[in-house]
């Protein structure tokens, strides 16, 4: 069971620690976990059907539209980021379900641009 307690770390900042256990090869080790660790986002496996921005940028050119069939390695679009033109290619074979961007559109990081069926 988890038990909470407050502790001051080396930097003098008080942090809430949660006691728990770590199990490796069926051996249990007592451990202390921070609240920040317990509140972290869980790992989500990458979905190859969703093409998202990994850096903020502007759409320069689109090569596909909904309904197009593409093969892995085909060009999908060009994203200008940091004065460089980045060609985004299809990671898988498939059919384009949605294109959620337009030429000239400025995008932030982690925005869905293209969705495969």
PDB file of N, CA and C in Angstrom:
ATOM      1  N   UNK A   1       0.827  -1.185   0.000  1.00  0.00           N
ATOM      2  CA  UNK A   1       0.000   0.000   0.000  1.00  0.00           C
ATOM      3  C   UNK A   1       0.866   1.241   0.000  1.00  0.00           C
ATOM      4  N   UNK A   2       0.393   2.257  -0.662  1.00  0.00           N
ATOM      5  CA  UNK A   2       1.134   3.515  -0.736  1.00  0.00           C
ATOM      6  C   UNK A   2       0.920   4.319   0.529  1.00  0.00           C
ATOM      7  N   UNK A   3       1.980   4.934   0.990  1.00  0.00           N
ATOM      8  CA  UNK A   3       1.926   5.763   2.180  1.00  0.00           C
ATOM      9  C   UNK A   3       2.587   7.092   1.836  1.00  0.00           C
ATOM     10  N   UNK A   4       1.947   8.204   2.151  1.00  0.00           N
ATOM     11  CA  UNK A   4       2.473   9.523   1.807  1.00  0.00           C
ATOM     12  C   UNK A   4       3.245  10.111   2.979  1.00  0.00           C
ATOM     13  N   UNK A   5       4.298  10.869   2.654  1.00  0.00           N
ATOM     14  CA  UNK A   5       5.002  11.654   3.652  1.00  0.00           C
ATOM     15  C   UNK A   5       5.717  12.779   2.930  1.00  0.00           C
ATOM     16  N   UNK A   6       5.963  13.873   3.634  1.00  0.00           N
ATOM     17  CA  UNK A   6       6.670  15.011   3.051  1.00  0.00           C
ATOM     18  C   UNK A   6       8.121  14.954   3.474  1.00  0.00           C
ATOM     19  N   UNK A   7       9.000  15.372   2.563  1.00  0.00           N
ATOM     20  CA  UNK A   7      10.424  15.349   2.844  1.00  0.00           C
ATOM     21  C   UNK A   7      11.067  16.520   2.123  1.00  0.00           C
ATOM     22  N   UNK A   8      12.111  17.084   2.690  1.00  0.00           N
ATOM     23  CA  UNK A   8      12.846  18.176   2.060  1.00  0.00           C
ATOM     24  C   UNK A   8      14.041  17.564   1.357  1.00  0.00           C
ATOM     25  N   UNK A   9      14.175  17.830   0.038  1.00  0.00           N
ATOM     26  CA  UNK A   9      15.292  17.254  -0.712  1.00  0.00           C
ATOM     27  C   UNK A   9      16.521  18.147  -0.598  1.00  0.00           C
ATOM     28  N   UNK A  10      17.588  17.810  -1.313  1.00  0.00           N
ATOM     29  CA  UNK A  10      18.868  18.514  -1.223  1.00  0.00           C
ATOM     30  C   UNK A  10      18.767  19.975  -1.637  1.00  0.00           C
ATOM     31  N   UNK A  11      17.813  20.317  -2.494  1.00  0.00           N
ATOM     32  CA  UNK A  11      17.667  21.701  -2.933  1.00  0.00           C
ATOM     33  C   UNK A  11      16.843  22.532  -1.960  1.00  0.00           C
ATOM     34  N   UNK A  12      16.338  21.910  -0.907  1.00  0.00           N
ATOM     35  CA  UNK A  12      15.541  22.613   0.086  1.00  0.00           C
ATOM     36  C   UNK A  12      14.073  22.707  -0.269  1.00  0.00           C
ATOM     37  N   UNK A  13      13.660  22.038  -1.333  1.00  0.00           N
ATOM     38  CA  UNK A  13      12.264  22.061  -1.763  1.00  0.00           C
ATOM     39  C   UNK A  13      11.551  20.866  -1.143  1.00  0.00           C
ATOM     40  N   UNK A  14      10.399  21.146  -0.537  1.00  0.00           N
ATOM     41  CA  UNK A  14       9.637  20.064   0.063  1.00  0.00           C
ATOM     42  C   UNK A  14       8.910  19.295  -1.034  1.00  0.00           C
ATOM     43  N   UNK A  15       9.022  17.979  -1.014  1.00  0.00           N
ATOM     44  CA  UNK A  15       8.371  17.138  -2.006  1.00  0.00           C
ATOM     45  C   UNK A  15       7.589  16.049  -1.303  1.00  0.00           C
ATOM     46  N   UNK A  16       6.448  15.739  -1.850  1.00  0.00           N
ATOM     47  CA  UNK A  16       5.647  14.660  -1.289  1.00  0.00           C
ATOM     48  C   UNK A  16       6.162  13.352  -1.862  1.00  0.00           C
ATOM     49  N   UNK A  17       6.521  12.428  -1.002  1.00  0.00           N
ATOM     50  CA  UNK A  17       7.015  11.127  -1.430  1.00  0.00           C
ATOM     51  C   UNK A  17       5.979  10.068  -1.121  1.00  0.00           C
ATOM     52  N   UNK A  18       5.856   9.119  -2.007  1.00  0.00           N
ATOM     53  CA  UNK A  18       4.895   8.043  -1.832  1.00  0.00           C
ATOM     54  C   UNK A  18       5.682   6.741  -1.756  1.00  0.00           C
ATOM     55  N   UNK A  19       5.516   6.038  -0.643  1.00  0.00           N
ATOM     56  CA  UNK A  19       6.253   4.781  -0.522  1.00  0.00           C
ATOM     57  C   UNK A  19       5.497   3.701  -1.265  1.00  0.00           C
ATOM     58  N   UNK A  20       6.244   2.846  -1.901  1.00  0.00           N
ATOM     59  CA  UNK A  20       5.658   1.764  -2.666  1.00  0.00           C
ATOM     60  C   UNK A  20       6.668   0.646  -2.779  1.00  0.00           C
ATOM     61  N   UNK A  21       6.506  -0.151  -3.784  1.00  0.00           N
ATOM     62  CA  UNK A  21       7.463  -1.235  -3.984  1.00  0.00           C
ATOM     63  C   UNK A  21       7.743  -1.401  -5.469  1.00  0.00           C
ATOM     64  N   UNK A  22       8.949  -1.828  -5.745  1.00  0.00           N
ATOM     65  CA  UNK A  22       9.400  -2.100  -7.096  1.00  0.00           C
ATOM     66  C   UNK A  22       9.671  -3.592  -7.159  1.00  0.00           C
ATOM     67  N   UNK A  23       9.077  -4.278  -8.125  1.00  0.00           N
ATOM     68  CA  UNK A  23       9.246  -5.722  -8.237  1.00  0.00           C
ATOM     69  C   UNK A  23      10.066  -6.025  -9.477  1.00  0.00           C
ATOM     70  N   UNK A  24      11.210  -6.679  -9.280  1.00  0.00           N
ATOM     71  CA  UNK A  24      12.081  -7.101 -10.372  1.00  0.00           C
ATOM     72  C   UNK A  24      12.377  -8.574 -10.175  1.00  0.00           C
ATOM     73  N   UNK A  25      12.057  -9.360 -11.186  1.00  0.00           N
ATOM     74  CA  UNK A  25      12.277 -10.815 -11.127  1.00  0.00           C
ATOM     75  C   UNK A  25      11.724 -11.425  -9.850  1.00  0.00           C
ATOM     76  N   UNK A  26      10.497 -11.043  -9.532  1.00  0.00           N
ATOM     77  CA  UNK A  26       9.757 -11.558  -8.387  1.00  0.00           C
ATOM     78  C   UNK A  26      10.374 -11.200  -7.037  1.00  0.00           C
ATOM     79  N   UNK A  27      11.299 -10.228  -7.010  1.00  0.00           N
ATOM     80  CA  UNK A  27      11.878  -9.747  -5.763  1.00  0.00           C
ATOM     81  C   UNK A  27      11.334  -8.346  -5.542  1.00  0.00           C
ATOM     82  N   UNK A  28      10.792  -8.102  -4.354  1.00  0.00           N
ATOM     83  CA  UNK A  28      10.178  -6.820  -4.029  1.00  0.00           C
ATOM     84  C   UNK A  28      11.177  -5.925  -3.302  1.00  0.00           C
ATOM     85  N   UNK A  29      11.309  -4.676  -3.790  1.00  0.00           N
ATOM     86  CA  UNK A  29      12.204  -3.701  -3.182  1.00  0.00           C
ATOM     87  C   UNK A  29      11.371  -2.503  -2.737  1.00  0.00           C
ATOM     88  N   UNK A  30      11.485  -2.076  -1.470  1.00  0.00           N
ATOM     89  CA  UNK A  30      10.761  -0.885  -1.039  1.00  0.00           C
ATOM     90  C   UNK A  30      11.361   0.345  -1.724  1.00  0.00           C
ATOM     91  N   UNK A  31      10.532   1.303  -2.071  1.00  0.00           N
ATOM     92  CA  UNK A  31      11.010   2.491  -2.770  1.00  0.00           C
ATOM     93  C   UNK A  31      10.140   3.689  -2.417  1.00  0.00           C
ATOM     94  N   UNK A  32      10.634   4.876  -2.724  1.00  0.00           N
ATOM     95  CA  UNK A  32       9.888   6.102  -2.541  1.00  0.00           C
ATOM     96  C   UNK A  32       9.669   6.736  -3.910  1.00  0.00           C
ATOM     97  N   UNK A  33       8.448   7.085  -4.221  1.00  0.00           N
ATOM     98  CA  UNK A  33       8.094   7.685  -5.503  1.00  0.00           C
ATOM     99  C   UNK A  33       7.583   9.094  -5.258  1.00  0.00           C
ATOM    100  N   UNK A  34       7.977  10.032  -6.116  1.00  0.00           N
ATOM    101  CA  UNK A  34       7.504  11.404  -5.956  1.00  0.00           C
ATOM    102  C   UNK A  34       6.099  11.535  -6.533  1.00  0.00           C
ATOM    103  N   UNK A  35       5.391  12.572  -6.117  1.00  0.00           N
ATOM    104  CA  UNK A  35       4.062  12.841  -6.648  1.00  0.00           C
ATOM    105  C   UNK A  35       4.157  13.133  -8.148  1.00  0.00           C
ATOM    106  N   UNK A  36       5.219  13.824  -8.539  1.00  0.00           N
ATOM    107  CA  UNK A  36       5.427  14.129  -9.960  1.00  0.00           C
ATOM    108  C   UNK A  36       5.518  12.825 -10.771  1.00  0.00           C
ATOM    109  N   UNK A  37       6.216  11.851 -10.254  1.00  0.00           N
ATOM    110  CA  UNK A  37       6.332  10.560 -10.935  1.00  0.00           C
ATOM    111  C   UNK A  37       4.972   9.863 -11.009  1.00  0.00           C
ATOM    112  N   UNK A  38       4.229   9.909  -9.934  1.00  0.00           N
ATOM    113  CA  UNK A  38       2.932   9.227  -9.904  1.00  0.00           C
ATOM    114  C   UNK A  38       1.919   9.902 -10.836  1.00  0.00           C
ATOM    115  N   UNK A  39       2.062  11.214 -11.063  1.00  0.00           N
ATOM    116  CA  UNK A  39       1.125  11.968 -11.904  1.00  0.00           C
ATOM    117  C   UNK A  39       1.541  12.032 -13.375  1.00  0.00           C
ATOM    118  N   UNK A  40       2.628  11.363 -13.744  1.00  0.00           N
ATOM    119  CA  UNK A  40       3.127  11.442 -15.115  1.00  0.00           C
ATOM    120  C   UNK A  40       2.111  10.853 -16.097  1.00  0.00           C
ATOM    121  N   UNK A  41       2.227  11.282 -17.372  1.00  0.00           N
ATOM    122  CA  UNK A  41       1.349  10.741 -18.404  1.00  0.00           C
ATOM    123  C   UNK A  41       1.767   9.311 -18.707  1.00  0.00           C
ATOM    124  N   UNK A  42       0.806   8.412 -18.827  1.00  0.00           N
ATOM    125  CA  UNK A  42       1.176   7.034 -19.155  1.00  0.00           C
ATOM    126  C   UNK A  42       1.697   6.945 -20.596  1.00  0.00           C
ATOM    127  N   UNK A  43       2.549   5.977 -20.850  1.00  0.00           N
ATOM    128  CA  UNK A  43       3.102   5.760 -22.177  1.00  0.00           C
ATOM    129  C   UNK A  43       1.984   5.357 -23.130  1.00  0.00           C
ATOM    130  N   UNK A  44       1.974   5.984 -24.310  1.00  0.00           N
ATOM    131  CA  UNK A  44       0.990   5.656 -25.323  1.00  0.00           C
ATOM    132  C   UNK A  44       1.750   5.240 -26.576  1.00  0.00           C
ATOM    133  N   UNK A  45       1.482   4.054 -27.053  1.00  0.00           N
ATOM    134  CA  UNK A  45       2.179   3.557 -28.223  1.00  0.00           C
ATOM    135  C   UNK A  45       1.846   4.416 -29.443  1.00  0.00           C
ATOM    136  N   UNK A  46       2.833   4.647 -30.287  1.00  0.00           N
ATOM    137  CA  UNK A  46       2.684   5.457 -31.483  1.00  0.00           C
ATOM    138  C   UNK A  46       1.707   4.809 -32.448  1.00  0.00           C
ATOM    139  N   UNK A  47       0.732   5.594 -32.937  1.00  0.00           N
ATOM    140  CA  UNK A  47      -0.235   5.108 -33.919  1.00  0.00           C
ATOM    141  C   UNK A  47       0.226   5.583 -35.290  1.00  0.00           C
ATOM    142  N   UNK A  48       0.667   4.660 -36.139  1.00  0.00           N
ATOM    143  CA  UNK A  48       1.192   5.013 -37.456  1.00  0.00           C
ATOM    144  C   UNK A  48       0.127   5.555 -38.393  1.00  0.00           C
ATOM    145  N   UNK A  49      -1.160   5.459 -38.032  1.00  0.00           N
ATOM    146  CA  UNK A  49      -2.237   6.000 -38.865  1.00  0.00           C
ATOM    147  C   UNK A  49      -2.419   7.492 -38.647  1.00  0.00           C
ATOM    148  N   UNK A  50      -1.815   8.049 -37.627  1.00  0.00           N
ATOM    149  CA  UNK A  50      -1.917   9.474 -37.328  1.00  0.00           C
ATOM    150  C   UNK A  50      -0.587  10.152 -37.631  1.00  0.00           C
ATOM    151  N   UNK A  51      -0.604  11.099 -38.558  1.00  0.00           N
ATOM    152  CA  UNK A  51       0.600  11.858 -38.884  1.00  0.00           C
ATOM    153  C   UNK A  51       0.493  13.204 -38.183  1.00  0.00           C
ATOM    154  N   UNK A  52       1.365  13.422 -37.188  1.00  0.00           N
ATOM    155  CA  UNK A  52       1.328  14.640 -36.375  1.00  0.00           C
ATOM    156  C   UNK A  52       2.613  15.439 -36.555  1.00  0.00           C
ATOM    157  N   UNK A  53       2.540  16.722 -36.245  1.00  0.00           N
ATOM    158  CA  UNK A  53       3.738  17.553 -36.290  1.00  0.00           C
ATOM    159  C   UNK A  53       4.631  17.211 -35.111  1.00  0.00           C
ATOM    160  N   UNK A  54       5.933  17.208 -35.338  1.00  0.00           N
ATOM    161  CA  UNK A  54       6.879  16.982 -34.247  1.00  0.00           C
ATOM    162  C   UNK A  54       7.614  18.276 -33.903  1.00  0.00           C
ATOM    163  N   UNK A  55       7.371  19.307 -34.732  1.00  0.00           N
ATOM    164  CA  UNK A  55       7.971  20.610 -34.531  1.00  0.00           C
ATOM    165  C   UNK A  55       6.998  21.645 -35.109  1.00  0.00           C
ATOM    166  N   UNK A  56       6.889  22.827 -34.517  1.00  0.00           N
ATOM    167  CA  UNK A  56       6.006  23.844 -35.092  1.00  0.00           C
ATOM    168  C   UNK A  56       6.468  24.236 -36.501  1.00  0.00           C
ATOM    169  N   UNK A  57       5.517  24.520 -37.373  1.00  0.00           N
ATOM    170  CA  UNK A  57       5.888  24.889 -38.729  1.00  0.00           C
ATOM    171  C   UNK A  57       4.692  25.307 -39.569  1.00  0.00           C
ATOM    172  N   UNK A  58       4.961  25.521 -40.875  1.00  0.00           N
ATOM    173  CA  UNK A  58       3.961  25.966 -41.829  1.00  0.00           C
ATOM    174  C   UNK A  58       3.867  24.959 -42.966  1.00  0.00           C
ATOM    175  N   UNK A  59       2.639  24.645 -43.376  1.00  0.00           N
ATOM    176  CA  UNK A  59       2.438  23.728 -44.502  1.00  0.00           C
ATOM    177  C   UNK A  59       2.773  24.471 -45.791  1.00  0.00           C
ATOM    178  N   UNK A  60       3.707  23.937 -46.558  1.00  0.00           N
ATOM    179  CA  UNK A  60       4.144  24.547 -47.805  1.00  0.00           C
ATOM    180  C   UNK A  60       3.446  23.908 -49.004  1.00  0.00           C
ATOM    181  N   UNK A  61       3.296  22.582 -48.969  1.00  0.00           N
ATOM    182  CA  UNK A  61       2.694  21.877 -50.104  1.00  0.00           C
ATOM    183  C   UNK A  61       2.042  20.588 -49.630  1.00  0.00           C
ATOM    184  N   UNK A  62       0.884  20.262 -50.207  1.00  0.00           N
ATOM    185  CA  UNK A  62       0.184  19.005 -49.928  1.00  0.00           C
ATOM    186  C   UNK A  62       0.223  18.136 -51.181  1.00  0.00           C
ATOM    187  N   UNK A  63       0.503  16.851 -51.008  1.00  0.00           N
ATOM    188  CA  UNK A  63       0.557  15.926 -52.137  1.00  0.00           C
ATOM    189  C   UNK A  63      -0.609  14.942 -52.156  1.00  0.00           C
ATOM    190  N   UNK A  64      -1.431  14.918 -51.101  1.00  0.00           N
ATOM    191  CA  UNK A  64      -2.523  13.947 -50.997  1.00  0.00           C
ATOM    192  C   UNK A  64      -3.836  14.639 -50.649  1.00  0.00           C
ATOM    193  N   UNK A  65      -4.928  13.908 -50.864  1.00  0.00           N
ATOM    194  CA  UNK A  65      -6.265  14.369 -50.474  1.00  0.00           C
ATOM    195  C   UNK A  65      -7.022  13.148 -49.963  1.00  0.00           C
ATOM    196  N   UNK A  66      -8.130  13.341 -49.270  1.00  0.00           N
ATOM    197  CA  UNK A  66      -8.893  12.208 -48.760  1.00  0.00           C
ATOM    198  C   UNK A  66      -9.281  11.256 -49.895  1.00  0.00           C
ATOM    199  N   UNK A  67      -9.130   9.963 -49.620  1.00  0.00           N
ATOM    200  CA  UNK A  67      -9.455   8.932 -50.604  1.00  0.00           C
ATOM    201  C   UNK A  67      -8.266   8.442 -51.396  1.00  0.00           C
ATOM    202  N   UNK A  68      -7.147   9.185 -51.378  1.00  0.00           N
ATOM    203  CA  UNK A  68      -5.950   8.744 -52.101  1.00  0.00           C
ATOM    204  C   UNK A  68      -5.360   7.499 -51.447  1.00  0.00           C
ATOM    205  N   UNK A  69      -4.870   6.595 -52.287  1.00  0.00           N
ATOM    206  CA  UNK A  69      -4.151   5.423 -51.789  1.00  0.00           C
ATOM    207  C   UNK A  69      -2.665   5.717 -51.913  1.00  0.00           C
ATOM    208  N   UNK A  70      -1.925   5.482 -50.831  1.00  0.00           N
ATOM    209  CA  UNK A  70      -0.489   5.748 -50.820  1.00  0.00           C
ATOM    210  C   UNK A  70       0.273   4.512 -50.358  1.00  0.00           C
ATOM    211  N   UNK A  71       1.533   4.457 -50.749  1.00  0.00           N
ATOM    212  CA  UNK A  71       2.430   3.393 -50.315  1.00  0.00           C
ATOM    213  C   UNK A  71       3.428   3.973 -49.312  1.00  0.00           C
ATOM    214  N   UNK A  72       3.960   3.128 -48.464  1.00  0.00           N
ATOM    215  CA  UNK A  72       4.973   3.564 -47.512  1.00  0.00           C
ATOM    216  C   UNK A  72       6.109   4.218 -48.288  1.00  0.00           C
ATOM    217  N   UNK A  73       6.513   5.410 -47.860  1.00  0.00           N
ATOM    218  CA  UNK A  73       7.586   6.143 -48.523  1.00  0.00           C
ATOM    219  C   UNK A  73       7.103   7.217 -49.478  1.00  0.00           C
ATOM    220  N   UNK A  74       5.803   7.248 -49.810  1.00  0.00           N
ATOM    221  CA  UNK A  74       5.256   8.291 -50.685  1.00  0.00           C
ATOM    222  C   UNK A  74       5.223   9.624 -49.927  1.00  0.00           C
ATOM    223  N   UNK A  75       5.405  10.727 -50.675  1.00  0.00           N
ATOM    224  CA  UNK A  75       5.344  12.063 -50.074  1.00  0.00           C
ATOM    225  C   UNK A  75       3.903  12.393 -49.701  1.00  0.00           C
ATOM    226  N   UNK A  76       3.722  12.940 -48.501  1.00  0.00           N
ATOM    227  CA  UNK A  76       2.403  13.383 -48.049  1.00  0.00           C
ATOM    228  C   UNK A  76       2.295  14.903 -48.085  1.00  0.00           C
ATOM    229  N   UNK A  77       3.317  15.587 -47.567  1.00  0.00           N
ATOM    230  CA  UNK A  77       3.299  17.047 -47.511  1.00  0.00           C
ATOM    231  C   UNK A  77       4.695  17.570 -47.232  1.00  0.00           C
ATOM    232  N   UNK A  78       4.840  18.891 -47.362  1.00  0.00           N
ATOM    233  CA  UNK A  78       6.088  19.550 -46.978  1.00  0.00           C
ATOM    234  C   UNK A  78       5.752  20.531 -45.864  1.00  0.00           C
ATOM    235  N   UNK A  79       6.484  20.415 -44.761  1.00  0.00           N
ATOM    236  CA  UNK A  79       6.316  21.272 -43.585  1.00  0.00           C
ATOM    237  C   UNK A  79       7.580  22.113 -43.436  1.00  0.00           C
ATOM    238  N   UNK A  80       7.424  23.438 -43.493  1.00  0.00           N
ATOM    239  CA  UNK A  80       8.577  24.311 -43.282  1.00  0.00           C
ATOM    240  C   UNK A  80       8.700  24.589 -41.795  1.00  0.00           C
ATOM    241  N   UNK A  81       9.855  24.258 -41.236  1.00  0.00           N
ATOM    242  CA  UNK A  81      10.105  24.479 -39.818  1.00  0.00           C
ATOM    243  C   UNK A  81      11.555  24.934 -39.664  1.00  0.00           C
ATOM    244  N   UNK A  82      11.765  26.018 -38.968  1.00  0.00           N
ATOM    245  CA  UNK A  82      13.100  26.560 -38.737  1.00  0.00           C
ATOM    246  C   UNK A  82      13.835  26.807 -40.061  1.00  0.00           C
ATOM    247  N   UNK A  83      13.118  27.370 -41.046  1.00  0.00           N
ATOM    248  CA  UNK A  83      13.635  27.720 -42.367  1.00  0.00           C
ATOM    249  C   UNK A  83      14.093  26.503 -43.176  1.00  0.00           C
ATOM    250  N   UNK A  84      13.624  25.333 -42.808  1.00  0.00           N
ATOM    251  CA  UNK A  84      13.953  24.118 -43.554  1.00  0.00           C
ATOM    252  C   UNK A  84      12.670  23.482 -44.051  1.00  0.00           C
ATOM    253  N   UNK A  85      12.698  22.935 -45.265  1.00  0.00           N
ATOM    254  CA  UNK A  85      11.544  22.238 -45.823  1.00  0.00           C
ATOM    255  C   UNK A  85      11.676  20.755 -45.486  1.00  0.00           C
ATOM    256  N   UNK A  86      10.740  20.248 -44.681  1.00  0.00           N
ATOM    257  CA  UNK A  86      10.745  18.856 -44.239  1.00  0.00           C
ATOM    258  C   UNK A  86       9.678  18.093 -45.004  1.00  0.00           C
ATOM    259  N   UNK A  87      10.105  17.103 -45.778  1.00  0.00           N
ATOM    260  CA  UNK A  87       9.160  16.282 -46.527  1.00  0.00           C
ATOM    261  C   UNK A  87       8.651  15.192 -45.598  1.00  0.00           C
ATOM    262  N   UNK A  88       7.353  15.155 -45.384  1.00  0.00           N
ATOM    263  CA  UNK A  88       6.724  14.146 -44.533  1.00  0.00           C
ATOM    264  C   UNK A  88       6.279  13.008 -45.450  1.00  0.00           C
ATOM    265  N   UNK A  89       6.743  11.796 -45.141  1.00  0.00           N
ATOM    266  CA  UNK A  89       6.422  10.643 -45.981  1.00  0.00           C
ATOM    267  C   UNK A  89       5.498   9.680 -45.243  1.00  0.00           C
ATOM    268  N   UNK A  90       4.807   8.853 -46.023  1.00  0.00           N
ATOM    269  CA  UNK A  90       3.874   7.883 -45.441  1.00  0.00           C
ATOM    270  C   UNK A  90       4.653   6.762 -44.749  1.00  0.00           C
ATOM    271  N   UNK A  91       4.335   6.483 -43.484  1.00  0.00           N
ATOM    272  CA  UNK A  91       5.029   5.404 -42.772  1.00  0.00           C
ATOM    273  C   UNK A  91       4.473   4.023 -43.121  1.00  0.00           C
ATOM    274  N   UNK A  92       3.249   3.986 -43.669  1.00  0.00           N
ATOM    275  CA  UNK A  92       2.581   2.717 -43.975  1.00  0.00           C
ATOM    276  C   UNK A  92       1.834   2.827 -45.305  1.00  0.00           C
ATOM    277  N   UNK A  93       1.479   1.677 -45.875  1.00  0.00           N
ATOM    278  CA  UNK A  93       0.584   1.648 -47.027  1.00  0.00           C
ATOM    279  C   UNK A  93      -0.836   1.879 -46.517  1.00  0.00           C
ATOM    280  N   UNK A  94      -1.646   2.587 -47.285  1.00  0.00           N
ATOM    281  CA  UNK A  94      -3.026   2.770 -46.857  1.00  0.00           C
ATOM    282  C   UNK A  94      -3.747   3.819 -47.662  1.00  0.00           C
ATOM    283  N   UNK A  95      -4.957   4.134 -47.177  1.00  0.00           N
ATOM    284  CA  UNK A  95      -5.808   5.136 -47.814  1.00  0.00           C
ATOM    285  C   UNK A  95      -5.958   6.316 -46.869  1.00  0.00           C
ATOM    286  N   UNK A  96      -5.892   7.513 -47.434  1.00  0.00           N
ATOM    287  CA  UNK A  96      -6.022   8.736 -46.638  1.00  0.00           C
ATOM    288  C   UNK A  96      -7.489   8.927 -46.255  1.00  0.00           C
ATOM    289  N   UNK A  97      -7.745   9.012 -44.944  1.00  0.00           N
ATOM    290  CA  UNK A  97      -9.103   9.232 -44.456  1.00  0.00           C
ATOM    291  C   UNK A  97      -9.401  10.725 -44.354  1.00  0.00           C
ATOM    292  N   UNK A  98      -8.462  11.483 -43.760  1.00  0.00           N
ATOM    293  CA  UNK A  98      -8.658  12.913 -43.557  1.00  0.00           C
ATOM    294  C   UNK A  98      -7.355  13.666 -43.760  1.00  0.00           C
ATOM    295  N   UNK A  99      -7.452  14.857 -44.326  1.00  0.00           N
ATOM    296  CA  UNK A  99      -6.345  15.811 -44.373  1.00  0.00           C
ATOM    297  C   UNK A  99      -6.838  17.020 -43.593  1.00  0.00           C
ATOM    298  N   UNK A 100      -6.254  17.275 -42.445  1.00  0.00           N
ATOM    299  CA  UNK A 100      -6.766  18.310 -41.545  1.00  0.00           C
ATOM    300  C   UNK A 100      -6.012  19.638 -41.643  1.00  0.00           C
ATOM    301  N   UNK A 101      -5.170  19.787 -42.663  1.00  0.00           N
ATOM    302  CA  UNK A 101      -4.395  21.013 -42.809  1.00  0.00           C
ATOM    303  C   UNK A 101      -4.567  21.588 -44.211  1.00  0.00           C
ATOM    304  N   UNK A 102      -4.192  22.861 -44.363  1.00  0.00           N
ATOM    305  CA  UNK A 102      -4.246  23.538 -45.660  1.00  0.00           C
ATOM    306  C   UNK A 102      -2.890  24.182 -45.921  1.00  0.00           C
ATOM    307  N   UNK A 103      -2.592  24.413 -47.185  1.00  0.00           N
ATOM    308  CA  UNK A 103      -1.354  25.099 -47.550  1.00  0.00           C
ATOM    309  C   UNK A 103      -1.358  26.491 -46.921  1.00  0.00           C
ATOM    310  N   UNK A 104      -0.240  26.860 -46.320  1.00  0.00           N
ATOM    311  CA  UNK A 104      -0.108  28.156 -45.657  1.00  0.00           C
ATOM    312  C   UNK A 104      -0.468  28.145 -44.184  1.00  0.00           C
ATOM    313  N   UNK A 105      -1.059  27.075 -43.708  1.00  0.00           N
ATOM    314  CA  UNK A 105      -1.481  26.998 -42.307  1.00  0.00           C
ATOM    315  C   UNK A 105      -0.274  26.819 -41.394  1.00  0.00           C
ATOM    316  N   UNK A 106      -0.262  27.583 -40.295  1.00  0.00           N
ATOM    317  CA  UNK A 106       0.800  27.482 -39.288  1.00  0.00           C
ATOM    318  C   UNK A 106       0.331  26.548 -38.192  1.00  0.00           C
ATOM    319  N   UNK A 107       1.196  25.626 -37.816  1.00  0.00           N
ATOM    320  CA  UNK A 107       0.837  24.590 -36.845  1.00  0.00           C
ATOM    321  C   UNK A 107       1.775  24.583 -35.653  1.00  0.00           C
ATOM    322  N   UNK A 108       1.236  24.239 -34.504  1.00  0.00           N
ATOM    323  CA  UNK A 108       2.031  24.032 -33.300  1.00  0.00           C
ATOM    324  C   UNK A 108       2.533  22.585 -33.291  1.00  0.00           C
ATOM    325  N   UNK A 109       3.279  22.237 -32.281  1.00  0.00           N
ATOM    326  CA  UNK A 109       3.778  20.873 -32.132  1.00  0.00           C
ATOM    327  C   UNK A 109       2.639  19.925 -31.758  1.00  0.00           C
ATOM    328  N   UNK A 110       2.717  18.696 -32.242  1.00  0.00           N
ATOM    329  CA  UNK A 110       1.801  17.601 -31.891  1.00  0.00           C
ATOM    330  C   UNK A 110       0.374  17.816 -32.400  1.00  0.00           C
ATOM    331  N   UNK A 111       0.237  18.431 -33.584  1.00  0.00           N
ATOM    332  CA  UNK A 111      -1.073  18.639 -34.210  1.00  0.00           C
ATOM    333  C   UNK A 111      -1.287  17.562 -35.265  1.00  0.00           C
ATOM    334  N   UNK A 112      -2.475  16.945 -35.279  1.00  0.00           N
ATOM    335  CA  UNK A 112      -2.794  15.918 -36.261  1.00  0.00           C
ATOM    336  C   UNK A 112      -2.962  16.566 -37.624  1.00  0.00           C
ATOM    337  N   UNK A 113      -2.165  16.108 -38.604  1.00  0.00           N
ATOM    338  CA  UNK A 113      -2.222  16.661 -39.955  1.00  0.00           C
ATOM    339  C   UNK A 113      -2.974  15.738 -40.904  1.00  0.00           C
ATOM    340  N   UNK A 114      -2.637  14.449 -40.878  1.00  0.00           N
ATOM    341  CA  UNK A 114      -3.219  13.480 -41.802  1.00  0.00           C
ATOM    342  C   UNK A 114      -3.596  12.228 -41.029  1.00  0.00           C
ATOM    343  N   UNK A 115      -4.753  11.661 -41.371  1.00  0.00           N
ATOM    344  CA  UNK A 115      -5.227  10.443 -40.732  1.00  0.00           C
ATOM    345  C   UNK A 115      -5.455   9.381 -41.790  1.00  0.00           C
ATOM    346  N   UNK A 116      -4.900   8.182 -41.594  1.00  0.00           N
ATOM    347  CA  UNK A 116      -5.113   7.048 -42.483  1.00  0.00           C
ATOM    348  C   UNK A 116      -6.327   6.254 -42.024  1.00  0.00           C
ATOM    349  N   UNK A 117      -6.970   5.525 -42.964  1.00  0.00           N
ATOM    350  CA  UNK A 117      -8.080   4.626 -42.607  1.00  0.00           C
ATOM    351  C   UNK A 117      -7.545   3.421 -41.895  1.00  0.00           C
TER     352      UNK A 117
END
